[in-house]
Protein backbone atom coordinates (compact mmCIF):
# COMPACT_ATOMS: atom_id res chain seq x y z
CA MET A 1 0.02 1.64 0.14
CA LEU A 2 -0.04 -2.14 0.28
CA ARG A 3 3.61 -2.41 -0.66
CA TYR A 4 4.60 -0.27 2.30
CA LEU A 5 2.78 -2.58 4.68
CA LEU A 6 5.35 -5.25 3.78
CA THR A 7 8.05 -3.11 5.35
CA SER A 8 8.77 -2.26 8.96
CA LEU A 9 8.15 1.44 8.29
CA SER A 10 6.00 3.32 10.77
CA VAL A 11 2.82 5.09 9.71
CA SER A 12 4.60 8.45 9.76
CA GLU A 13 7.44 7.07 7.61
CA ILE A 14 4.93 5.66 5.10
CA ALA A 15 3.20 9.05 5.02
CA ASP A 16 6.52 10.76 4.30
CA HIS A 17 7.32 8.35 1.45
CA LEU A 18 3.88 8.86 -0.15
CA PHE A 19 3.70 12.61 0.54
CA LEU A 20 0.47 12.10 2.51
CA SER A 21 -0.60 13.09 5.99
CA VAL A 22 -0.40 10.55 8.80
CA ASN A 23 -4.18 10.71 9.15
CA THR A 24 -4.65 9.86 5.47
CA VAL A 25 -2.39 6.82 5.78
CA ARG A 26 -4.24 5.68 8.90
CA THR A 27 -7.56 6.10 7.09
CA HIS A 28 -6.33 4.03 4.14
CA MET A 29 -5.05 1.36 6.51
CA ARG A 30 -8.37 1.30 8.36
CA HIS A 31 -10.22 0.85 5.05
CA LEU A 32 -7.86 -1.95 4.00
CA HIS A 33 -8.47 -3.72 7.30
CA ALA A 34 -12.24 -3.35 6.96
CA ASN A 35 -12.39 -4.37 3.29
CA LEU A 36 -10.25 -7.45 3.85
CA GLY A 37 -11.94 -8.37 7.12
CA VAL A 38 -8.74 -8.50 9.16
CA HIS A 39 -7.43 -6.83 12.31
CA ARG A 40 -3.64 -6.78 12.00
CA ARG A 41 -1.14 -5.39 9.53
CA HIS A 42 0.37 -8.78 8.69
CA GLU A 43 -3.13 -10.14 8.00
CA VAL A 44 -3.69 -7.38 5.44
CA VAL A 45 -0.50 -8.44 3.67
CA GLU A 46 -1.47 -12.14 3.75
CA GLN A 47 -4.92 -11.44 2.32
CA ALA A 48 -3.57 -9.05 -0.32
CA CYS A 49 -1.05 -11.68 -1.45
CA ALA A 50 -3.73 -14.36 -1.53
CA LEU A 51 -5.94 -12.12 -3.68
CA GLY A 52 -3.06 -11.22 -6.01
CA LEU A 53 -3.07 -7.53 -5.10
CA LEU A 54 0.66 -7.36 -4.43
CA HIS A 55 3.48 -7.91 -6.88
CA ASP A 56 7.26 -7.79 -6.65
CA ALA A 57 7.88 -5.15 -9.32
CA PRO A 58 9.03 -1.72 -8.13
CA ALA A 59 6.58 1.16 -8.17
CA THR A 60 5.80 2.50 -11.60
CA ARG A 61 7.21 5.91 -12.41
CA GLN A 62 5.71 8.65 -14.48
CA SER A 63 7.77 10.41 -17.14
CA SER A 64 8.56 13.16 -14.63
CA GLY A 65 10.21 10.54 -12.40
CA THR A 66 7.61 10.74 -9.64
CA VAL A 67 5.93 7.65 -8.28
CA ASP A 68 2.37 7.16 -9.47
CA ARG A 69 1.00 6.29 -6.05
CA HIS A 70 -2.49 5.55 -7.38
CA THR A 71 -1.44 2.57 -9.49
CA ALA A 72 2.03 1.65 -8.28
CA PHE A 73 0.91 -1.04 -5.87
CA LEU A 74 -1.81 -2.80 -7.79
CA ARG A 75 -1.33 -5.47 -10.39
CA ALA A 76 -2.49 -4.53 -13.86
CA PRO A 77 -5.71 -6.31 -14.88
CA ASP A 78 -5.08 -9.58 -16.69
């Protein structure tokens, strides 16, 4: 989810890419805002970068070729 916030995609476009409902994406975004203590989308990205939650690698893919949306956007523990 975090990686998609870097783009200019709308909430409905993000939902389409992740095969989620628009309401689910909005809920995740609301939780990200609350957990990071910010109010705007760009602030979420800034905080996530500062905390090391975003990385430049493409989303990981499972052997079936589908995106593993649960782990694709988080850095592996060091």
